[in-house]
Amino acid sequence: MIAYLSDRANAITAVGLLCSGAATGLVVKGHYKAGVALGLWAIIADDVDGEIARRTKNRTAATKAIGKALDAFSDLIFGSIIPAIVIASFISSPASAVFTALLLLIGALRLAYFDYFGLDHRGYSTGLPLSYALPVLAAILLVDHNIAPLELGIVLPAVFVPLSLLHIAPFKIKASGTLVHVLTIGVAATASAGLLITSRAGQ
């Protein structure tokens, strides 16, 4: 099994999974900014591995299938699990369990749909990609720390309920192309740096 990680694209996907896993451990322990900052690098890995996979010739069907499955696991972690853990930690009522379950169900449904239908010939996907969730969470945490304190127990659910519904909404959005890749990597790297700086400043 390990041999399939020798494929360049799959190796980068594995790095993204390691980032997602470590990020999950951090947010579970309450290190939200550091965890989200690390999770954003999983998004960068997810963006890069797809491009490398498209440019790599003679990949076997098994290598592609395993890479695709690994990619979906990483997407679910950084797109649903990490945001769900962070947001639920700010909700004191039993509604936190319902909210967590909702985010995971929507994330899994989104990924299952994308696994079957994928991108169309123009590089568009149906619904908002899960990769938007963590940058939005990062932006809220940065505003809370640097601009004005927010009531996160109210703000986060108010933002993420409609955002989650957008993941499964029947609209088309550009999800591939040079500009999309540049913006994705730029936003994720910038937000990650901002969170790490504020995390250190808060120590």
C-alpha atoms as a PDB file:
ATOM      1  CA  MET A   1       0.000   0.000   0.000  1.00  0.00           C
ATOM      2  CA  ILE A   2       2.773   2.413   0.940  1.00  0.00           C
ATOM      3  CA  ALA A   3       4.168   2.046  -2.571  1.00  0.00           C
ATOM      4  CA  TYR A   4       1.252   4.055  -3.951  1.00  0.00           C
ATOM      5  CA  LEU A   5       2.579   7.087  -2.064  1.00  0.00           C
ATOM      6  CA  SER A   6       5.676   7.060  -4.267  1.00  0.00           C
ATOM      7  CA  ASP A   7       3.489   8.676  -6.923  1.00  0.00           C
ATOM      8  CA  ARG A   8       4.192  12.417  -6.735  1.00  0.00           C
ATOM      9  CA  ALA A   9       0.567  13.499  -6.654  1.00  0.00           C
ATOM     10  CA  ASN A  10      -0.345  10.906  -4.026  1.00  0.00           C
ATOM     11  CA  ALA A  11       2.684  11.905  -1.928  1.00  0.00           C
ATOM     12  CA  ILE A  12       1.479  15.515  -1.851  1.00  0.00           C
ATOM     13  CA  THR A  13      -2.025  14.328  -0.994  1.00  0.00           C
ATOM     14  CA  ALA A  14      -0.492  12.384   1.899  1.00  0.00           C
ATOM     15  CA  VAL A  15       1.279  15.538   3.106  1.00  0.00           C
ATOM     16  CA  GLY A  16      -2.086  17.299   3.010  1.00  0.00           C
ATOM     17  CA  LEU A  17      -3.636  14.502   5.065  1.00  0.00           C
ATOM     18  CA  LEU A  18      -0.835  14.809   7.615  1.00  0.00           C
ATOM     19  CA  CYS A  19      -1.499  18.555   7.837  1.00  0.00           C
ATOM     20  CA  SER A  20      -5.230  17.914   8.248  1.00  0.00           C
ATOM     21  CA  GLY A  21      -4.639  15.271  10.901  1.00  0.00           C
ATOM     22  CA  ALA A  22      -2.242  17.435  12.889  1.00  0.00           C
ATOM     23  CA  ALA A  23      -4.609  20.386  12.542  1.00  0.00           C
ATOM     24  CA  THR A  24      -7.449  18.279  13.949  1.00  0.00           C
ATOM     25  CA  GLY A  25      -5.314  17.393  16.949  1.00  0.00           C
ATOM     26  CA  LEU A  26      -4.556  21.067  17.553  1.00  0.00           C
ATOM     27  CA  VAL A  27      -8.151  22.285  17.395  1.00  0.00           C
ATOM     28  CA  VAL A  28      -9.334  19.437  19.651  1.00  0.00           C
ATOM     29  CA  LYS A  29      -6.881  20.754  22.245  1.00  0.00           C
ATOM     30  CA  GLY A  30      -8.211  24.288  21.825  1.00  0.00           C
ATOM     31  CA  HIS A  31      -5.390  25.674  19.672  1.00  0.00           C
ATOM     32  CA  TYR A  32      -7.834  26.985  17.083  1.00  0.00           C
ATOM     33  CA  LYS A  33      -5.689  29.525  15.261  1.00  0.00           C
ATOM     34  CA  ALA A  34      -2.674  27.230  14.931  1.00  0.00           C
ATOM     35  CA  GLY A  35      -4.903  24.334  13.888  1.00  0.00           C
ATOM     36  CA  VAL A  36      -6.742  26.298  11.213  1.00  0.00           C
ATOM     37  CA  ALA A  37      -3.422  27.752  10.011  1.00  0.00           C
ATOM     38  CA  LEU A  38      -2.043  24.253   9.499  1.00  0.00           C
ATOM     39  CA  GLY A  39      -5.293  23.049   7.930  1.00  0.00           C
ATOM     40  CA  LEU A  40      -4.980  25.757   5.299  1.00  0.00           C
ATOM     41  CA  TRP A  41      -1.804  24.068   4.075  1.00  0.00           C
ATOM     42  CA  ALA A  42      -3.856  20.949   3.445  1.00  0.00           C
ATOM     43  CA  ILE A  43      -5.909  23.068   1.041  1.00  0.00           C
ATOM     44  CA  ILE A  44      -2.720  24.141  -0.718  1.00  0.00           C
ATOM     45  CA  ALA A  45      -1.621  20.509  -0.985  1.00  0.00           C
ATOM     46  CA  ASP A  46      -5.057  19.611  -2.351  1.00  0.00           C
ATOM     47  CA  ASP A  47      -4.728  22.273  -5.019  1.00  0.00           C
ATOM     48  CA  VAL A  48      -1.195  21.280  -5.984  1.00  0.00           C
ATOM     49  CA  ASP A  49      -1.747  17.517  -6.075  1.00  0.00           C
ATOM     50  CA  GLY A  50      -4.505  17.791  -8.654  1.00  0.00           C
ATOM     51  CA  GLU A  51      -2.339  19.831 -10.977  1.00  0.00           C
ATOM     52  CA  ILE A  52       0.563  17.388 -10.639  1.00  0.00           C
ATOM     53  CA  ALA A  53      -1.761  14.438 -11.230  1.00  0.00           C
ATOM     54  CA  ARG A  54      -3.004  16.004 -14.465  1.00  0.00           C
ATOM     55  CA  ARG A  55       0.552  16.530 -15.697  1.00  0.00           C
ATOM     56  CA  THR A  56       1.871  13.097 -14.721  1.00  0.00           C
ATOM     57  CA  LYS A  57       1.717  10.570 -17.537  1.00  0.00           C
ATOM     58  CA  ASN A  58       1.257   6.809 -17.328  1.00  0.00           C
ATOM     59  CA  ARG A  59      -0.360   6.730 -13.887  1.00  0.00           C
ATOM     60  CA  THR A  60      -2.020   3.353 -13.342  1.00  0.00           C
ATOM     61  CA  ALA A  61      -5.750   3.042 -12.699  1.00  0.00           C
ATOM     62  CA  ALA A  62      -5.017   1.834  -9.156  1.00  0.00           C
ATOM     63  CA  THR A  63      -2.737   4.796  -8.457  1.00  0.00           C
ATOM     64  CA  LYS A  64      -5.408   7.203  -9.672  1.00  0.00           C
ATOM     65  CA  ALA A  65      -8.174   5.515  -7.664  1.00  0.00           C
ATOM     66  CA  ILE A  66      -6.165   5.471  -4.435  1.00  0.00           C
ATOM     67  CA  GLY A  67      -5.128   9.083  -4.934  1.00  0.00           C
ATOM     68  CA  LYS A  68      -8.739  10.082  -5.515  1.00  0.00           C
ATOM     69  CA  ALA A  69      -9.869   8.336  -2.323  1.00  0.00           C
ATOM     70  CA  LEU A  70      -7.071   9.896  -0.261  1.00  0.00           C
ATOM     71  CA  ASP A  71      -7.968  13.293  -1.677  1.00  0.00           C
ATOM     72  CA  ALA A  72     -11.609  12.878  -0.622  1.00  0.00           C
ATOM     73  CA  PHE A  73     -10.584  11.994   2.944  1.00  0.00           C
ATOM     74  CA  SER A  74      -8.405  15.096   3.138  1.00  0.00           C
ATOM     75  CA  ASP A  75     -11.219  17.261   1.755  1.00  0.00           C
ATOM     76  CA  LEU A  76     -13.641  15.965   4.380  1.00  0.00           C
ATOM     77  CA  ILE A  77     -11.205  16.668   7.200  1.00  0.00           C
ATOM     78  CA  PHE A  78     -10.240  20.227   6.271  1.00  0.00           C
ATOM     79  CA  GLY A  79     -13.596  21.129   4.749  1.00  0.00           C
ATOM     80  CA  SER A  80     -15.955  19.722   7.379  1.00  0.00           C
ATOM     81  CA  ILE A  81     -14.338  18.093  10.404  1.00  0.00           C
ATOM     82  CA  ILE A  82     -11.960  20.901  11.409  1.00  0.00           C
ATOM     83  CA  PRO A  83     -14.580  23.677  10.991  1.00  0.00           C
ATOM     84  CA  ALA A  84     -17.163  21.530  12.834  1.00  0.00           C
ATOM     85  CA  ILE A  85     -14.851  20.976  15.829  1.00  0.00           C
ATOM     86  CA  VAL A  86     -13.928  24.649  16.083  1.00  0.00           C
ATOM     87  CA  ILE A  87     -17.488  25.926  15.726  1.00  0.00           C
ATOM     88  CA  ALA A  88     -18.999  23.333  18.080  1.00  0.00           C
ATOM     89  CA  SER A  89     -16.516  24.354  20.772  1.00  0.00           C
ATOM     90  CA  PHE A  90     -18.091  27.830  20.842  1.00  0.00           C
ATOM     91  CA  ILE A  91     -21.679  26.542  21.099  1.00  0.00           C
ATOM     92  CA  SER A  92     -22.558  25.755  24.706  1.00  0.00           C
ATOM     93  CA  SER A  93     -25.955  24.170  24.047  1.00  0.00           C
ATOM     94  CA  PRO A  94     -26.666  20.589  22.875  1.00  0.00           C
ATOM     95  CA  ALA A  95     -27.183  22.182  19.457  1.00  0.00           C
ATOM     96  CA  SER A  96     -23.424  21.824  18.981  1.00  0.00           C
ATOM     97  CA  ALA A  97     -23.906  18.088  18.342  1.00  0.00           C
ATOM     98  CA  VAL A  98     -26.617  18.771  15.766  1.00  0.00           C
ATOM     99  CA  PHE A  99     -24.463  21.402  14.080  1.00  0.00           C
ATOM    100  CA  THR A 100     -21.460  19.077  13.916  1.00  0.00           C
ATOM    101  CA  ALA A 101     -23.548  16.270  12.436  1.00  0.00           C
ATOM    102  CA  LEU A 102     -25.025  18.656   9.853  1.00  0.00           C
ATOM    103  CA  LEU A 103     -21.616  19.862   8.678  1.00  0.00           C
ATOM    104  CA  LEU A 104     -20.292  16.329   8.323  1.00  0.00           C
ATOM    105  CA  LEU A 105     -23.356  15.093   6.447  1.00  0.00           C
ATOM    106  CA  ILE A 106     -23.265  18.020   4.020  1.00  0.00           C
ATOM    107  CA  GLY A 107     -19.519  17.607   3.494  1.00  0.00           C
ATOM    108  CA  ALA A 108     -19.865  13.885   2.800  1.00  0.00           C
ATOM    109  CA  LEU A 109     -22.799  14.478   0.431  1.00  0.00           C
ATOM    110  CA  ARG A 110     -20.881  17.168  -1.425  1.00  0.00           C
ATOM    111  CA  LEU A 111     -17.863  14.888  -1.871  1.00  0.00           C
ATOM    112  CA  ALA A 112     -19.963  11.907  -2.937  1.00  0.00           C
ATOM    113  CA  TYR A 113     -21.704  14.033  -5.574  1.00  0.00           C
ATOM    114  CA  PHE A 114     -18.409  15.459  -6.821  1.00  0.00           C
ATOM    115  CA  ASP A 115     -16.838  11.992  -6.904  1.00  0.00           C
ATOM    116  CA  TYR A 116     -19.508  10.913  -9.388  1.00  0.00           C
ATOM    117  CA  PHE A 117     -20.044  14.063 -11.461  1.00  0.00           C
ATOM    118  CA  GLY A 118     -16.704  15.898 -11.053  1.00  0.00           C
ATOM    119  CA  LEU A 119     -15.977  19.032 -13.070  1.00  0.00           C
ATOM    120  CA  ASP A 120     -17.671  19.800 -16.347  1.00  0.00           C
ATOM    121  CA  HIS A 121     -15.693  20.446 -19.530  1.00  0.00           C
ATOM    122  CA  ARG A 122     -15.298  24.141 -18.619  1.00  0.00           C
ATOM    123  CA  GLY A 123     -13.800  23.436 -15.196  1.00  0.00           C
ATOM    124  CA  TYR A 124     -17.006  24.254 -13.273  1.00  0.00           C
ATOM    125  CA  SER A 125     -18.400  22.261 -10.353  1.00  0.00           C
ATOM    126  CA  THR A 126     -21.878  22.199  -8.828  1.00  0.00           C
ATOM    127  CA  GLY A 127     -22.060  23.922  -5.453  1.00  0.00           C
ATOM    128  CA  LEU A 128     -19.405  25.729  -3.448  1.00  0.00           C
ATOM    129  CA  PRO A 129     -16.235  23.628  -2.961  1.00  0.00           C
ATOM    130  CA  LEU A 130     -15.451  22.566   0.620  1.00  0.00           C
ATOM    131  CA  SER A 131     -12.108  24.370   0.312  1.00  0.00           C
ATOM    132  CA  TYR A 132     -13.936  27.656   0.929  1.00  0.00           C
ATOM    133  CA  ALA A 133     -14.938  26.738   4.496  1.00  0.00           C
ATOM    134  CA  LEU A 134     -11.568  26.941   6.245  1.00  0.00           C
ATOM    135  CA  PRO A 135     -10.525  30.312   4.713  1.00  0.00           C
ATOM    136  CA  VAL A 136     -13.886  31.755   5.830  1.00  0.00           C
ATOM    137  CA  LEU A 137     -13.287  30.400   9.344  1.00  0.00           C
ATOM    138  CA  ALA A 138      -9.762  31.842   9.289  1.00  0.00           C
ATOM    139  CA  ALA A 139     -11.115  35.255   8.274  1.00  0.00           C
ATOM    140  CA  ILE A 140     -13.602  35.242  11.166  1.00  0.00           C
ATOM    141  CA  LEU A 141     -10.902  34.289  13.672  1.00  0.00           C
ATOM    142  CA  LEU A 142      -8.622  37.042  12.340  1.00  0.00           C
ATOM    143  CA  VAL A 143     -11.387  39.646  12.616  1.00  0.00           C
ATOM    144  CA  ASP A 144     -12.177  38.461  16.150  1.00  0.00           C
ATOM    145  CA  HIS A 145      -8.544  38.792  17.221  1.00  0.00           C
ATOM    146  CA  ASN A 146      -7.351  41.853  15.292  1.00  0.00           C
ATOM    147  CA  ILE A 147     -10.337  44.093  14.581  1.00  0.00           C
ATOM    148  CA  ALA A 148     -13.200  43.572  17.015  1.00  0.00           C
ATOM    149  CA  PRO A 149     -14.177  40.771  19.423  1.00  0.00           C
ATOM    150  CA  LEU A 150     -17.050  38.717  18.039  1.00  0.00           C
ATOM    151  CA  GLU A 151     -19.651  36.577  19.762  1.00  0.00           C
ATOM    152  CA  LEU A 152     -18.337  33.468  18.041  1.00  0.00           C
ATOM    153  CA  GLY A 153     -21.063  31.241  19.447  1.00  0.00           C
ATOM    154  CA  ILE A 154     -23.532  33.275  17.372  1.00  0.00           C
ATOM    155  CA  VAL A 155     -21.429  34.494  14.443  1.00  0.00           C
ATOM    156  CA  LEU A 156     -19.977  31.127  13.449  1.00  0.00           C
ATOM    157  CA  PRO A 157     -23.300  29.242  13.172  1.00  0.00           C
ATOM    158  CA  ALA A 158     -24.900  32.253  11.474  1.00  0.00           C
ATOM    159  CA  VAL A 159     -22.182  32.176   8.799  1.00  0.00           C
ATOM    160  CA  PHE A 160     -21.683  28.438   8.426  1.00  0.00           C
ATOM    161  CA  VAL A 161     -25.283  27.295   8.169  1.00  0.00           C
ATOM    162  CA  PRO A 162     -25.852  29.184   4.888  1.00  0.00           C
ATOM    163  CA  LEU A 163     -22.279  28.486   3.775  1.00  0.00           C
ATOM    164  CA  SER A 164     -22.844  24.756   4.259  1.00  0.00           C
ATOM    165  CA  LEU A 165     -26.037  24.891   2.221  1.00  0.00           C
ATOM    166  CA  LEU A 166     -24.076  26.541  -0.591  1.00  0.00           C
ATOM    167  CA  HIS A 167     -21.901  23.414  -0.756  1.00  0.00           C
ATOM    168  CA  ILE A 168     -24.902  21.422  -1.980  1.00  0.00           C
ATOM    169  CA  ALA A 169     -26.705  24.204  -3.861  1.00  0.00           C
ATOM    170  CA  PRO A 170     -27.422  23.626  -7.584  1.00  0.00           C
ATOM    171  CA  PHE A 171     -25.317  26.441  -9.018  1.00  0.00           C
ATOM    172  CA  LYS A 172     -22.121  26.286 -11.045  1.00  0.00           C
ATOM    173  CA  ILE A 173     -18.828  27.801  -9.923  1.00  0.00           C
ATOM    174  CA  LYS A 174     -15.398  27.913 -11.541  1.00  0.00           C
ATOM    175  CA  ALA A 175     -13.287  25.365  -9.670  1.00  0.00           C
ATOM    176  CA  SER A 176     -10.297  24.887 -11.964  1.00  0.00           C
ATOM    177  CA  GLY A 177      -7.904  27.016 -13.982  1.00  0.00           C
ATOM    178  CA  THR A 178      -4.741  29.061 -13.420  1.00  0.00           C
ATOM    179  CA  LEU A 179      -6.469  32.028 -11.764  1.00  0.00           C
ATOM    180  CA  VAL A 180      -8.418  29.760  -9.408  1.00  0.00           C
ATOM    181  CA  HIS A 181      -5.227  27.940  -8.387  1.00  0.00           C
ATOM    182  CA  VAL A 182      -3.319  31.186  -7.794  1.00  0.00           C
ATOM    183  CA  LEU A 183      -6.133  32.673  -5.713  1.00  0.00           C
ATOM    184  CA  THR A 184      -6.595  29.488  -3.696  1.00  0.00           C
ATOM    185  CA  ILE A 185      -2.924  29.174  -2.818  1.00  0.00           C
ATOM    186  CA  GLY A 186      -2.520  32.911  -2.200  1.00  0.00           C
ATOM    187  CA  VAL A 187      -5.536  33.190   0.113  1.00  0.00           C
ATOM    188  CA  ALA A 188      -4.666  30.024   2.040  1.00  0.00           C
ATOM    189  CA  ALA A 189      -1.004  30.980   2.542  1.00  0.00           C
ATOM    190  CA  THR A 190      -1.849  34.558   3.558  1.00  0.00           C
ATOM    191  CA  ALA A 191      -4.553  33.499   5.999  1.00  0.00           C
ATOM    192  CA  SER A 192      -2.281  30.836   7.482  1.00  0.00           C
ATOM    193  CA  ALA A 193       0.504  33.374   8.050  1.00  0.00           C
ATOM    194  CA  GLY A 194      -1.950  35.814   9.626  1.00  0.00           C
ATOM    195  CA  LEU A 195      -3.268  33.182  12.026  1.00  0.00           C
ATOM    196  CA  LEU A 196       0.221  32.059  13.031  1.00  0.00           C
ATOM    197  CA  ILE A 197       1.217  35.644  13.759  1.00  0.00           C
ATOM    198  CA  THR A 198      -1.873  36.292  15.890  1.00  0.00           C
ATOM    199  CA  SER A 199      -1.420  32.932  17.595  1.00  0.00           C
ATOM    200  CA  ARG A 200       2.117  33.823  18.615  1.00  0.00           C
ATOM    201  CA  ALA A 201       1.042  37.314  19.683  1.00  0.00           C
ATOM    202  CA  GLY A 202      -1.585  35.811  21.949  1.00  0.00           C
ATOM    203  CA  GLN A 203       0.912  33.645  23.819  1.00  0.00           C
END
